[in-house]
Amino acid sequence: MLLRNDLLQYDAPRRILRILWIDAARHGAYVFDVAARACEAAHIRVATLEADLAEGRAVRLAEDPFLVTVNQDALPPRHIELRERAWQIVQELTASEPGIYQSRRRGQLIADYTAQHGISHPTVYRYLRRYWQRGQTPNALLPDYGNSGARGKTRASTAGIKRGRPRKEGAPPGVNVDEAMRRIFRVAMSCCAGIRQSRRATYEAMVRDFFSQRSVDGATRRVVRTPPSDGAPSFGQFGYWLERCDVLRRAERPLPLAPHAVIAHPGKPGAAFRLDAVRADVQLVATTERDRLVGRPVLYVVSDVFSGMIAGVYASLEPPSWQQAVMALANCAADKPRYCQRLGRAITVQDWPSRHLPELLVVPRALRPADGGGALRNNFGVRCISGTADSQTLPWREALERRCALLPLEADQLAPQLGGLDGVLDIGQFTRLVADAALEHNLLAGAETPAPLQLWDWGVQQRGTALKQYREELVHCLLLPVHDATVTAHGICLNGTYYSCTRAVEERWFERARQRGHWTVKVAGDLTHVDVVYLLDAARPLQFHQCHIVERGTTGYPVQSPEAPRRTGQPSGQYSSFGRVVASLAN
């Protein structure tokens, strides 16, 4: 599907066209030749462009070599001043769509603007041409820039009365499987995602982890466990509920809405995303020290306002902040099959198709960035506005609460008592829970409402989109916080962790550090997920190099981390098998 800002390369005659705008009905589009010296946009039918792609006359470029992306902190004040002056002019003119793309109307708009503000015609045309050539973001207007390359009802139980047939003589009476126990079933299945083991092994691991008696040592904050009690469910109950869930709530992909369907939702996919944050009522343990409590995580979720589909998620143990919240927006640009593959889930692109940024981001006032989201606006053209935060009415809340309870963002991070899921999961396992909840929310329809994925697909086909797609690594690099790292003989050191990358090896950085001493470089990275950081190139903002962890003293070509994104293509897997996995977690 063609999107705004896509680049189409033709060989005869050789040219590259940028799609500037597509009408809501997807009948026509305005395109611009990025090599043109004039400021002229051409109208062309969308069907013609799609036919050119299908028949090989044109190729859609995966990377945008004209996109301007820079580190905000590296910009001189004079460059920022010139960019804002040009952006003020372009922003007012491009608000008149599609008139600004029509020759006669464009001339009238520019004449009126120059008469009112005393700006020369050549200056306005130069700004407009540069804006269209370089990605339609405010940073396209920076002076002297360097090009960068850039988805049955359940019976209630009664206290003291055991459901089902009586146990055999001498066997314990057993327990009723209530909602709290079904929540543990779903969490246990998520914890075992990606691990090939039998259902019996999964059951035994669940009993050992979740049905043991747990308490916390007040002095050391260590979790003390005693053997499981008699209150655990039987293996038969565990298997029965998994199979029953599979029959009752099979998560099949929803059918598309009919073309004549009446949708009350205003707008279109990508016109606005909403950022929300809640605290989960589960106390996690450290990944390396499984008996040490680290606190309750904060969950950030970005959802599409039009369809309600979850577009990005992020879980953090840090205090709530904009810097942590923006990582959920970075996840919006992630390739979801690859992201889920790292979490042990095999899905297709159609199961979670969102890998885009929006035009507008609604942010709770408590998380509002101090600079108003300058990095998002200037690099990607995403505007941030403040909105109300009512965590009780979040559309995705029900799917997540089927796995763990939620608390207000202001709740205490640590609690003196343990219960439920406390003291078992680490941050990686909790993230897997969140991904399962997002998939369930996106795929399953309500009693009277279509599934968010269904509404998303319908909106894309019937109303067009305002989605923006950028390379995943580029979005992460530009949104991650920047840190000072030290080049040593053992590797690039950041907070005691050593990294290496191809550039450092080819330029023999570590041999130079051994002979001449260490020096400092800038890296962008998330300190809570340290498997990959990005080395910034100070000479060419923003060229970056992926750095992966290496053992101290073994620096060489970078070692691919098990958690790092693969580059071997999309994961395979049929939706039917994925549907059974989600179905087992859905009830």
Protein backbone atom coordinates (compact mmCIF):
# COMPACT_ATOMS: atom_id res chain seq x y z
CA MET A 1 0.00 0.00 0.00
CA LEU A 2 1.32 3.41 -0.99
CA LEU A 3 1.75 5.98 1.79
CA ARG A 4 2.45 9.66 1.94
CA ASN A 5 6.21 10.39 1.65
CA ASP A 6 6.98 7.14 -0.19
CA LEU A 7 9.73 7.37 -2.83
CA LEU A 8 9.21 5.72 -6.24
CA GLN A 9 12.23 5.31 -8.54
CA TYR A 10 11.75 5.11 -12.31
CA ASP A 11 14.42 4.09 -14.81
CA ALA A 12 12.87 5.41 -18.04
CA PRO A 13 13.25 8.31 -17.73
CA ARG A 14 15.40 8.04 -14.62
CA ARG A 15 13.79 9.96 -11.77
CA ILE A 16 12.65 9.63 -8.16
CA LEU A 17 9.14 10.78 -7.23
CA ARG A 18 8.00 11.56 -3.69
CA ILE A 19 4.32 11.13 -2.87
CA LEU A 20 3.33 14.41 -1.23
CA TRP A 21 -0.36 13.77 -0.62
CA ILE A 22 -3.06 11.15 -1.29
CA ASP A 23 -6.75 11.97 -1.19
CA ALA A 24 -8.99 10.17 1.30
CA ALA A 25 -10.63 8.06 -1.40
CA ARG A 26 -7.17 7.03 -2.67
CA HIS A 27 -8.09 7.99 -6.22
CA GLY A 28 -5.44 10.63 -6.86
CA ALA A 29 -2.10 11.75 -5.48
CA TYR A 30 0.34 14.62 -5.91
CA VAL A 31 3.98 13.68 -6.54
CA PHE A 32 7.20 15.69 -6.73
CA ASP A 33 10.43 14.94 -8.59
CA VAL A 34 13.10 15.27 -5.90
CA ALA A 35 15.70 16.32 -8.51
CA ALA A 36 13.52 19.08 -9.95
CA ARG A 37 14.76 22.66 -9.82
CA ALA A 38 11.24 24.05 -10.06
CA CYS A 39 8.59 23.96 -7.34
CA GLU A 40 5.96 21.98 -9.23
CA ALA A 41 3.85 19.03 -8.06
CA ALA A 42 2.13 16.71 -10.51
CA HIS A 43 -1.27 15.05 -10.07
CA ILE A 44 -1.44 11.36 -10.90
CA ARG A 45 -3.89 8.53 -10.26
CA VAL A 46 -3.02 6.17 -7.42
CA ALA A 47 -3.99 3.24 -9.64
CA THR A 48 -1.35 4.34 -12.15
CA LEU A 49 1.36 4.37 -9.48
CA GLU A 50 0.31 0.95 -8.20
CA ALA A 51 0.35 -0.42 -11.75
CA ASP A 52 3.85 0.96 -12.27
CA LEU A 53 5.02 -0.88 -9.16
CA ALA A 54 3.23 -4.11 -10.05
CA GLU A 55 4.60 -4.17 -13.61
CA GLY A 56 8.17 -3.25 -12.67
CA ARG A 57 8.30 0.21 -14.21
CA ALA A 58 8.94 1.67 -10.74
CA VAL A 59 10.50 0.50 -7.49
CA ARG A 60 9.59 1.75 -4.03
CA LEU A 61 12.76 2.72 -2.13
CA ALA A 62 13.04 1.08 1.28
CA GLU A 63 15.30 3.87 2.57
CA ASP A 64 14.83 7.62 2.19
CA PRO A 65 18.28 9.04 1.28
CA PHE A 66 16.94 12.61 1.27
CA LEU A 67 15.49 12.56 4.80
CA VAL A 68 17.19 14.99 7.18
CA THR A 69 17.67 13.68 10.73
CA VAL A 70 19.93 15.33 13.30
CA ASN A 71 20.69 15.21 16.99
CA GLN A 72 18.95 18.20 18.57
CA ASP A 73 21.81 18.82 21.01
CA ALA A 74 24.33 19.05 18.15
CA LEU A 75 22.56 21.88 16.28
CA PRO A 76 24.08 25.39 16.48
CA PRO A 77 21.61 28.03 17.75
CA ARG A 78 21.85 29.88 14.43
CA HIS A 79 20.74 26.79 12.50
CA ILE A 80 17.76 26.33 14.81
CA GLU A 81 16.80 29.97 14.32
CA LEU A 82 16.90 29.64 10.51
CA ARG A 83 14.94 26.39 10.60
CA GLU A 84 12.17 27.90 12.75
CA ARG A 85 11.93 30.94 10.47
CA ALA A 86 11.55 28.77 7.38
CA TRP A 87 9.18 26.37 9.13
CA GLN A 88 6.84 29.21 10.08
CA ILE A 89 6.47 30.07 6.40
CA VAL A 90 6.11 26.50 5.13
CA GLN A 91 3.74 25.42 7.91
CA GLU A 92 1.22 28.13 7.06
CA LEU A 93 1.33 27.45 3.33
CA THR A 94 1.17 23.64 3.50
CA ALA A 95 -1.89 23.84 5.75
CA SER A 96 -3.84 24.56 2.54
CA GLU A 97 -3.96 21.04 1.14
CA PRO A 98 -4.41 20.16 -1.69
CA GLY A 99 -4.39 23.77 -2.90
CA ILE A 100 -0.66 24.20 -2.29
CA TYR A 101 0.04 21.41 -4.81
CA GLN A 102 -2.06 23.02 -7.57
CA SER A 103 -0.09 25.46 -9.73
CA ARG A 104 -2.60 28.29 -9.96
CA ARG A 105 -3.74 28.05 -6.34
CA ARG A 106 -0.13 27.79 -5.12
CA GLY A 107 0.82 30.97 -6.92
CA GLN A 108 -2.08 32.82 -5.32
CA LEU A 109 -1.25 31.52 -1.82
CA ILE A 110 2.40 32.52 -2.12
CA ALA A 111 1.54 35.95 -3.55
CA ASP A 112 -0.80 36.64 -0.65
CA TYR A 113 1.80 35.48 1.88
CA THR A 114 4.63 37.57 0.44
CA ALA A 115 2.42 40.66 0.32
CA GLN A 116 1.52 40.27 4.00
CA HIS A 117 4.95 39.39 5.39
CA GLY A 118 7.40 41.02 3.00
CA ILE A 119 9.14 37.76 2.03
CA SER A 120 10.47 37.44 -1.51
CA HIS A 121 8.92 34.92 -3.91
CA PRO A 122 12.22 33.07 -4.57
CA THR A 123 12.74 32.54 -0.83
CA VAL A 124 9.31 31.01 -0.33
CA TYR A 125 9.67 28.73 -3.38
CA ARG A 126 13.12 27.64 -2.20
CA TYR A 127 11.81 26.70 1.23
CA LEU A 128 8.85 24.85 -0.24
CA ARG A 129 10.99 22.92 -2.73
CA ARG A 130 13.46 21.93 -0.03
CA TYR A 131 10.59 20.81 2.23
CA TRP A 132 9.18 18.55 -0.48
CA GLN A 133 12.57 17.18 -1.48
CA ARG A 134 13.81 16.23 1.97
CA GLY A 135 10.98 14.40 3.68
CA GLN A 136 8.35 17.04 4.61
CA THR A 137 9.64 17.55 8.17
CA PRO A 138 10.85 20.77 9.85
CA ASN A 139 14.44 19.49 9.74
CA ALA A 140 14.25 19.51 5.93
CA LEU A 141 14.62 23.29 6.24
CA LEU A 142 17.94 23.18 8.11
CA PRO A 143 20.82 24.95 6.35
CA ASP A 144 23.89 22.97 5.21
CA TYR A 145 22.50 19.61 6.19
CA GLY A 146 24.16 16.27 5.48
CA ASN A 147 22.09 13.53 3.84
CA SER A 148 21.50 10.48 5.96
CA GLY A 149 19.93 7.21 5.19
CA ALA A 150 18.17 7.16 7.12
CA ARG A 151 2.06 -4.37 14.27
CA GLY A 152 -18.04 -18.69 26.72
CA LYS A 153 -18.87 -17.64 29.75
CA THR A 154 -17.31 -19.27 32.80
CA ARG A 155 -19.13 -20.63 35.79
CA ALA A 156 -18.55 -18.81 39.05
CA SER A 157 -17.23 -20.74 42.01
CA THR A 158 -18.73 -20.77 45.50
CA ALA A 159 -16.51 -20.67 48.57
CA GLY A 160 -16.30 -24.05 50.26
CA ILE A 161 -17.97 -25.94 47.39
CA LYS A 162 -15.74 -27.83 44.95
CA ARG A 163 -16.94 -27.94 41.34
CA GLY A 164 -16.65 -31.10 39.26
CA ARG A 165 -16.64 -34.76 40.17
CA PRO A 166 -15.33 -35.86 43.59
CA ARG A 167 -11.72 -36.97 43.81
CA LYS A 168 -10.78 -40.60 44.19
CA GLU A 169 -10.61 -41.95 47.71
CA GLY A 170 -7.61 -40.66 49.60
CA ALA A 171 -6.85 -37.83 47.17
CA PRO A 172 -6.99 -34.18 48.33
CA PRO A 173 -10.31 -32.46 47.54
CA GLY A 174 -8.69 -30.10 45.04
CA VAL A 175 -9.43 -26.43 44.32
CA ASN A 176 -11.79 -24.43 42.14
CA VAL A 177 -10.18 -22.62 39.22
CA ASP A 178 -11.23 -18.98 39.62
CA GLU A 179 -10.27 -15.87 37.68
CA ALA A 180 -7.12 -15.33 39.76
CA MET A 181 -5.95 -18.86 38.94
CA ARG A 182 -6.78 -18.45 35.23
CA ARG A 183 -4.66 -15.31 35.28
CA ILE A 184 -1.77 -17.42 36.54
CA PHE A 185 -2.39 -19.92 33.71
CA ARG A 186 -2.05 -17.15 31.12
CA VAL A 187 1.07 -15.74 32.75
CA ALA A 188 2.67 -19.19 32.97
CA MET A 189 2.05 -19.80 29.27
CA SER A 190 3.59 -16.42 28.40
CA CYS A 191 6.65 -17.17 30.54
CA CYS A 192 7.22 -20.37 28.57
CA ALA A 193 6.84 -18.70 25.17
CA GLY A 194 9.68 -19.69 22.88
CA ILE A 195 10.68 -22.64 25.09
CA ARG A 196 10.03 -26.05 23.60
CA GLN A 197 8.74 -28.17 26.45
CA SER A 198 5.78 -30.40 27.19
CA ARG A 199 2.58 -29.25 28.82
CA ARG A 200 3.54 -31.32 31.88
CA ALA A 201 6.85 -29.43 32.19
CA THR A 202 5.01 -26.12 31.85
CA TYR A 203 2.58 -27.16 34.56
CA GLU A 204 5.35 -28.21 36.94
CA ALA A 205 7.21 -24.93 36.38
CA MET A 206 3.98 -23.01 37.06
CA VAL A 207 3.33 -24.84 40.34
CA ARG A 208 6.92 -24.37 41.46
CA ASP A 209 6.99 -20.63 40.69
CA PHE A 210 3.47 -19.37 41.34
CA PHE A 211 2.03 -21.69 44.01
CA SER A 212 4.96 -21.69 46.40
CA GLN A 213 4.65 -19.66 49.59
CA ARG A 214 6.53 -16.39 49.10
CA SER A 215 7.50 -13.70 51.58
CA VAL A 216 9.90 -10.80 51.51
CA ASP A 217 12.78 -10.18 53.87
CA GLY A 218 12.27 -6.58 55.00
CA ALA A 219 15.99 -5.97 55.52
CA THR A 220 17.39 -7.34 52.26
CA ARG A 221 14.30 -7.17 50.00
CA ARG A 222 14.98 -10.79 49.07
CA VAL A 223 12.18 -13.21 48.22
CA VAL A 224 11.97 -16.23 50.54
CA ARG A 225 10.19 -19.30 49.08
CA THR A 226 8.80 -22.42 50.69
CA PRO A 227 7.56 -25.55 48.86
CA PRO A 228 4.16 -25.42 47.10
CA SER A 229 1.08 -25.95 49.25
CA ASP A 230 -1.95 -28.16 48.58
CA GLY A 231 -3.80 -25.22 47.03
CA ALA A 232 -2.36 -25.78 43.56
CA PRO A 233 -4.57 -26.91 40.66
CA SER A 234 -4.17 -30.37 39.22
CA PHE A 235 -2.53 -31.07 35.87
CA GLY A 236 -5.95 -32.13 34.56
CA GLN A 237 -7.44 -28.74 35.49
CA PHE A 238 -4.54 -26.93 33.84
CA GLY A 239 -4.95 -28.89 30.59
CA TYR A 240 -8.75 -28.62 30.67
CA TRP A 241 -8.73 -24.84 30.93
CA LEU A 242 -6.18 -24.44 28.14
CA GLU A 243 -8.21 -26.63 25.79
CA ARG A 244 -11.48 -24.99 26.79
CA CYS A 245 -10.03 -21.56 26.10
CA ASP A 246 -8.91 -22.76 22.68
CA VAL A 247 -12.46 -23.85 21.80
CA LEU A 248 -14.31 -20.84 23.19
CA ARG A 249 -12.04 -17.97 22.18
CA ARG A 250 -10.19 -19.00 19.03
CA ALA A 251 -8.53 -15.79 17.84
CA GLU A 252 -9.20 -15.86 14.15
CA ARG A 253 -8.27 -12.89 12.01
CA PRO A 254 -11.38 -10.65 11.65
CA LEU A 255 -12.96 -10.26 8.24
CA PRO A 256 -12.78 -6.80 6.65
CA LEU A 257 -15.78 -4.54 7.00
CA ALA A 258 -18.08 -4.16 4.03
CA PRO A 259 -17.31 -1.09 1.86
CA HIS A 260 -20.70 0.41 2.69
CA ALA A 261 -20.34 -0.02 6.46
CA VAL A 262 -21.09 3.07 8.52
CA ILE A 263 -18.32 3.87 11.00
CA ALA A 264 -18.93 6.48 13.68
CA HIS A 265 -15.23 6.99 14.42
CA PRO A 266 -13.89 10.26 13.03
CA GLY A 267 -10.55 10.61 11.28
CA LYS A 268 -8.33 7.89 9.86
CA PRO A 269 -5.49 5.62 11.00
CA GLY A 270 -2.43 7.58 12.06
CA ALA A 271 -4.12 10.97 12.33
CA ALA A 272 -3.50 10.81 16.10
CA PHE A 273 -1.92 8.36 18.52
CA ARG A 274 -2.55 8.43 22.27
CA LEU A 275 0.15 7.79 24.87
CA ASP A 276 -0.94 6.36 28.23
CA ALA A 277 0.94 5.08 31.27
CA VAL A 278 -0.12 2.84 34.16
CA ARG A 279 1.67 0.91 36.88
CA ALA A 280 1.25 -2.85 37.00
CA ASP A 281 0.35 -4.48 40.32
CA VAL A 282 3.11 -7.08 40.17
CA GLN A 283 6.48 -6.89 41.90
CA LEU A 284 9.22 -8.04 39.55
CA VAL A 285 12.53 -9.68 40.31
CA ALA A 286 15.95 -8.91 38.84
CA THR A 287 16.84 -10.78 35.66
CA THR A 288 20.16 -12.04 37.03
CA GLU A 289 19.20 -12.35 40.74
CA ARG A 290 15.85 -14.13 40.73
CA ASP A 291 15.33 -13.67 44.48
CA ARG A 292 15.82 -9.88 44.55
CA LEU A 293 12.79 -7.61 44.19
CA VAL A 294 13.18 -4.59 41.88
CA GLY A 295 9.68 -3.11 42.09
CA ARG A 296 6.49 -2.62 40.13
CA PRO A 297 6.94 -1.74 36.44
CA VAL A 298 5.44 1.22 34.62
CA LEU A 299 3.74 0.32 31.35
CA TYR A 300 3.57 2.82 28.48
CA VAL A 301 1.12 2.11 25.66
CA VAL A 302 0.61 4.02 22.41
CA SER A 303 -2.72 3.39 20.66
CA ASP A 304 -4.34 4.70 17.49
CA VAL A 305 -7.20 7.09 18.31
CA PHE A 306 -9.23 6.11 15.22
CA SER A 307 -9.18 2.32 15.54
CA GLY A 308 -8.06 1.77 19.13
CA MET A 309 -5.30 -0.57 17.96
CA ILE A 310 -2.18 -0.73 20.10
CA ALA A 311 0.72 0.56 18.01
CA GLY A 312 3.59 0.40 20.52
CA VAL A 313 4.39 -0.71 24.08
CA TYR A 314 7.24 -0.32 26.55
CA ALA A 315 7.75 -1.52 30.13
CA SER A 316 10.22 0.16 32.46
CA LEU A 317 11.35 -0.06 36.08
CA GLU A 318 12.46 3.57 36.07
CA PRO A 319 10.28 6.36 37.56
CA PRO A 320 7.64 7.69 35.14
CA SER A 321 9.17 10.19 32.71
CA TRP A 322 8.95 11.42 29.14
CA GLN A 323 12.31 9.81 28.33
CA GLN A 324 10.90 6.41 29.25
CA ALA A 325 7.51 7.06 27.63
CA VAL A 326 9.06 7.99 24.29
CA MET A 327 10.43 4.44 24.04
CA ALA A 328 6.86 3.23 23.50
CA LEU A 329 6.64 5.58 20.54
CA ALA A 330 9.93 4.18 19.25
CA ASN A 331 8.35 0.72 19.49
CA CYS A 332 5.57 1.97 17.20
CA ALA A 333 8.12 1.96 14.36
CA ALA A 334 9.32 -1.57 15.16
CA ASP A 335 8.80 -4.47 12.79
CA LYS A 336 6.25 -6.34 14.89
CA PRO A 337 6.93 -9.91 13.61
CA ARG A 338 10.62 -9.47 14.44
CA TYR A 339 9.78 -7.86 17.78
CA CYS A 340 7.44 -10.72 18.73
CA GLN A 341 9.95 -13.29 17.53
CA ARG A 342 12.42 -11.99 20.11
CA LEU A 343 9.68 -12.54 22.72
CA GLY A 344 8.97 -16.08 21.57
CA ARG A 345 5.89 -15.39 19.45
CA ALA A 346 5.58 -16.18 15.72
CA ILE A 347 3.17 -13.79 14.00
CA THR A 348 2.73 -12.38 10.50
CA VAL A 349 2.71 -8.77 9.35
CA GLN A 350 -1.07 -8.95 8.97
CA ASP A 351 -1.49 -9.88 12.64
CA TRP A 352 0.09 -6.60 13.82
CA PRO A 353 0.62 -4.29 10.81
CA SER A 354 1.46 -1.05 12.66
CA ARG A 355 5.07 0.05 12.24
CA HIS A 356 4.46 3.76 11.77
CA LEU A 357 4.52 7.15 13.46
CA PRO A 358 1.44 9.42 13.56
CA GLU A 359 0.85 13.05 12.64
CA LEU A 360 -0.24 13.94 16.20
CA LEU A 361 0.62 12.48 19.62
CA VAL A 362 -1.67 13.11 22.60
CA VAL A 363 0.42 13.02 25.79
CA PRO A 364 -0.78 13.11 29.43
CA ARG A 365 0.17 16.33 31.19
CA ALA A 366 2.19 14.37 33.76
CA LEU A 367 4.49 13.12 30.98
CA ARG A 368 4.54 16.25 28.82
CA PRO A 369 8.13 16.86 27.55
CA ALA A 370 9.82 20.06 28.64
CA ASP A 371 10.71 21.02 25.06
CA GLY A 372 7.25 20.18 23.72
CA GLY A 373 8.55 17.15 21.83
CA GLY A 374 11.06 19.01 19.65
CA ALA A 375 12.90 15.87 18.55
CA LEU A 376 9.65 14.31 17.31
CA ARG A 377 8.45 17.45 15.56
CA ASN A 378 11.71 18.39 13.90
CA ASN A 379 12.89 14.92 12.86
CA PHE A 380 9.59 13.22 12.02
CA GLY A 381 6.96 15.96 11.84
CA VAL A 382 5.03 14.54 14.83
CA ARG A 383 3.29 17.21 16.92
CA CYS A 384 2.70 16.68 20.65
CA ILE A 385 -0.31 18.07 22.50
CA SER A 386 -1.48 17.64 26.09
CA GLY A 387 -4.51 15.51 26.83
CA THR A 388 -6.43 14.17 29.78
CA ALA A 389 -5.33 10.88 31.32
CA ASP A 390 -8.22 8.65 32.43
CA SER A 391 -6.63 5.26 32.97
CA GLN A 392 -9.94 3.68 33.97
CA THR A 393 -11.42 3.98 30.46
CA LEU A 394 -8.46 2.78 28.42
CA PRO A 395 -9.69 0.47 25.63
CA TRP A 396 -6.84 -2.00 26.11
CA ARG A 397 -7.12 -2.16 29.90
CA GLU A 398 -9.35 -5.26 29.95
CA ALA A 399 -6.92 -7.36 27.90
CA LEU A 400 -4.03 -6.50 30.21
CA GLU A 401 -6.04 -6.99 33.41
CA ARG A 402 -6.70 -10.56 32.31
CA ARG A 403 -3.02 -11.07 33.08
CA CYS A 404 -2.22 -8.66 35.93
CA ALA A 405 -3.98 -5.98 37.96
CA LEU A 406 -3.25 -2.31 37.25
CA LEU A 407 -2.65 0.58 39.62
CA PRO A 408 -2.52 4.36 39.27
CA LEU A 409 0.78 5.72 38.02
CA GLU A 410 1.45 7.30 41.43
CA ALA A 411 1.28 3.98 43.33
CA ASP A 412 4.30 2.87 45.35
CA GLN A 413 6.94 0.98 43.42
CA LEU A 414 7.60 -1.50 46.23
CA ALA A 415 5.14 -3.04 48.71
CA PRO A 416 6.00 -4.89 51.93
CA GLN A 417 3.75 -7.87 51.20
CA LEU A 418 3.82 -10.40 48.37
CA GLY A 419 0.82 -11.94 46.69
CA GLY A 420 -0.54 -13.10 43.36
CA LEU A 421 2.20 -12.87 40.73
CA ASP A 422 4.75 -11.07 42.94
CA GLY A 423 8.32 -12.28 43.15
CA VAL A 424 8.31 -14.52 40.05
CA LEU A 425 8.53 -12.51 36.82
CA ASP A 426 11.39 -10.39 35.52
CA ILE A 427 11.06 -7.40 33.19
CA GLY A 428 11.51 -9.54 30.06
CA GLN A 429 8.75 -11.93 31.05
CA PHE A 430 6.47 -9.04 31.93
CA THR A 431 7.12 -7.49 28.51
CA ARG A 432 6.04 -10.78 26.95
CA LEU A 433 2.80 -10.56 28.93
CA VAL A 434 2.21 -7.07 27.61
CA ALA A 435 2.80 -8.16 24.01
CA ASP A 436 0.29 -11.00 24.44
CA ALA A 437 -2.27 -8.55 25.82
CA ALA A 438 -1.67 -6.18 22.89
CA LEU A 439 -2.19 -8.97 20.36
CA GLU A 440 -5.36 -10.10 22.09
CA HIS A 441 -6.75 -6.56 22.22
CA ASN A 442 -5.97 -5.90 18.57
CA LEU A 443 -7.39 -9.17 17.26
CA LEU A 444 -10.52 -9.79 19.31
CA ALA A 445 -13.78 -7.94 18.64
CA GLY A 446 -16.30 -6.92 21.28
CA ALA A 447 -19.94 -7.89 21.43
CA GLU A 448 -21.05 -4.92 19.33
CA THR A 449 -17.81 -3.41 18.07
CA PRO A 450 -15.31 -4.54 15.43
CA ALA A 451 -11.81 -5.56 16.43
CA PRO A 452 -9.25 -2.73 16.41
CA LEU A 453 -7.29 -4.53 13.69
CA GLN A 454 -10.45 -4.86 11.63
CA LEU A 455 -11.19 -1.14 12.00
CA TRP A 456 -7.57 -0.25 11.19
CA ASP A 457 -7.62 -2.28 7.95
CA TRP A 458 -10.97 -0.80 6.96
CA GLY A 459 -9.78 2.75 7.64
CA VAL A 460 -6.63 2.27 5.58
CA GLN A 461 -8.65 1.02 2.62
CA GLN A 462 -11.62 3.40 2.83
CA ARG A 463 -10.24 6.62 4.32
CA GLY A 464 -6.53 6.56 3.61
CA THR A 465 -3.95 7.12 6.32
CA ALA A 466 -1.84 9.79 7.93
CA LEU A 467 0.83 7.22 8.83
CA LYS A 468 4.57 7.90 8.52
CA GLN A 469 7.05 5.08 8.11
CA TYR A 470 10.75 5.36 8.95
CA ARG A 471 13.51 2.83 9.42
CA GLU A 472 13.22 1.21 12.85
CA GLU A 473 16.87 1.72 13.79
CA LEU A 474 16.69 5.39 12.80
CA VAL A 475 13.68 6.09 15.02
CA HIS A 476 15.26 4.30 17.96
CA CYS A 477 18.55 6.12 17.54
CA LEU A 478 16.94 9.56 17.38
CA LEU A 479 14.65 9.00 20.37
CA LEU A 480 17.08 7.23 22.70
CA PRO A 481 18.96 9.34 25.28
CA VAL A 482 22.58 10.20 24.42
CA HIS A 483 25.41 9.18 26.79
CA ASP A 484 29.17 9.58 26.96
CA ALA A 485 31.03 6.29 26.45
CA THR A 486 34.75 5.61 26.65
CA VAL A 487 36.80 3.86 23.98
CA THR A 488 39.24 1.55 25.79
CA ALA A 489 41.51 -1.30 24.82
CA HIS A 490 38.76 -3.72 25.90
CA GLY A 491 35.90 -2.11 23.98
CA ILE A 492 33.53 0.86 24.04
CA CYS A 493 32.62 1.10 27.72
CA LEU A 494 29.23 2.39 28.90
CA ASN A 495 28.37 1.92 32.59
CA GLY A 496 30.71 -1.06 32.88
CA THR A 497 29.39 -2.86 29.77
CA TYR A 498 31.71 -3.25 26.79
CA TYR A 499 30.60 -2.96 23.16
CA SER A 500 32.14 -3.31 19.73
CA CYS A 501 31.04 -2.41 16.22
CA THR A 502 32.32 -2.86 12.69
CA ARG A 503 33.59 0.71 12.44
CA ALA A 504 35.63 0.42 15.62
CA VAL A 505 37.21 -2.81 14.40
CA GLU A 506 37.97 -1.54 10.89
CA GLU A 507 39.53 1.68 12.21
CA ARG A 508 41.46 -0.24 14.91
CA TRP A 509 40.09 1.85 17.77
CA PHE A 510 40.98 -0.65 20.48
CA GLU A 511 44.61 -0.95 19.37
CA ARG A 512 44.86 2.85 19.32
CA ALA A 513 43.34 3.07 22.82
CA ARG A 514 45.90 0.55 24.10
CA GLN A 515 48.78 2.59 22.65
CA ARG A 516 47.59 6.20 23.08
CA GLY A 517 44.99 6.11 25.85
CA HIS A 518 41.22 6.22 25.91
CA TRP A 519 38.85 8.88 24.52
CA THR A 520 35.14 9.71 24.74
CA VAL A 521 32.44 9.12 22.11
CA LYS A 522 28.70 9.75 22.02
CA VAL A 523 26.31 6.78 22.02
CA ALA A 524 22.54 6.59 22.08
CA GLY A 525 21.08 3.81 24.18
CA ASP A 526 18.41 2.68 26.61
CA LEU A 527 20.19 1.90 29.89
CA THR A 528 17.44 -0.51 30.94
CA HIS A 529 17.95 -2.65 27.79
CA VAL A 530 21.70 -2.58 27.20
CA ASP A 531 22.10 -5.28 24.54
CA VAL A 532 22.44 -2.74 21.70
CA VAL A 533 23.60 0.89 21.66
CA TYR A 534 24.18 3.21 18.72
CA LEU A 535 27.50 4.95 18.10
CA LEU A 536 26.90 8.48 16.79
CA ASP A 537 29.10 10.04 14.13
CA ALA A 538 29.96 13.58 15.24
CA ALA A 539 31.17 14.54 11.76
CA ARG A 540 27.95 13.54 9.99
CA PRO A 541 24.83 13.89 12.16
CA LEU A 542 23.17 11.51 12.27
CA GLN A 543 25.14 8.57 10.88
CA PHE A 544 25.16 5.78 13.46
CA HIS A 545 26.58 2.30 13.95
CA GLN A 546 25.02 -0.54 15.94
CA CYS A 547 27.22 -1.73 18.80
CA HIS A 548 26.73 -5.12 20.46
CA ILE A 549 28.02 -6.47 23.76
CA VAL A 550 31.38 -8.24 23.81
CA GLU A 551 33.27 -9.92 26.60
CA ARG A 552 36.03 -7.79 28.07
CA GLY A 553 39.30 -8.53 26.36
CA THR A 554 37.70 -10.27 23.37
CA THR A 555 36.97 -7.25 21.19
CA GLY A 556 36.68 -8.01 17.54
CA TYR A 557 33.84 -8.00 15.10
CA PRO A 558 30.65 -7.39 17.07
CA VAL A 559 28.97 -10.41 18.53
CA GLN A 560 25.24 -10.53 17.74
CA SER A 561 23.29 -10.45 20.99
CA PRO A 562 20.53 -13.05 21.35
CA GLU A 563 18.10 -10.19 22.04
CA ALA A 564 19.27 -8.06 19.12
CA PRO A 565 17.11 -7.86 16.00
CA ARG A 566 17.89 -10.49 13.38
CA ARG A 567 18.50 -9.52 9.80
CA THR A 568 17.51 -12.77 8.21
CA GLY A 569 14.01 -11.70 7.18
CA GLN A 570 10.57 -12.18 8.63
CA PRO A 571 9.72 -15.09 10.93
CA SER A 572 7.64 -17.82 9.46
CA GLY A 573 4.51 -19.23 10.98
CA GLN A 574 0.86 -19.68 10.10
CA TYR A 575 -1.82 -17.61 11.71
CA SER A 576 -3.69 -20.72 12.74
CA SER A 577 -0.89 -21.73 15.13
CA PHE A 578 -0.63 -18.20 16.46
CA GLY A 579 -4.39 -18.12 16.91
CA ARG A 580 -4.23 -21.17 19.14
CA VAL A 581 -1.54 -19.55 21.30
CA VAL A 582 -3.48 -16.31 21.74
CA ALA A 583 -6.70 -18.26 22.25
CA SER A 584 -5.13 -20.18 25.12
CA LEU A 585 -4.30 -16.87 26.79
CA ALA A 586 -7.59 -15.14 26.05
CA ASN A 587 -9.94 -16.80 28.50
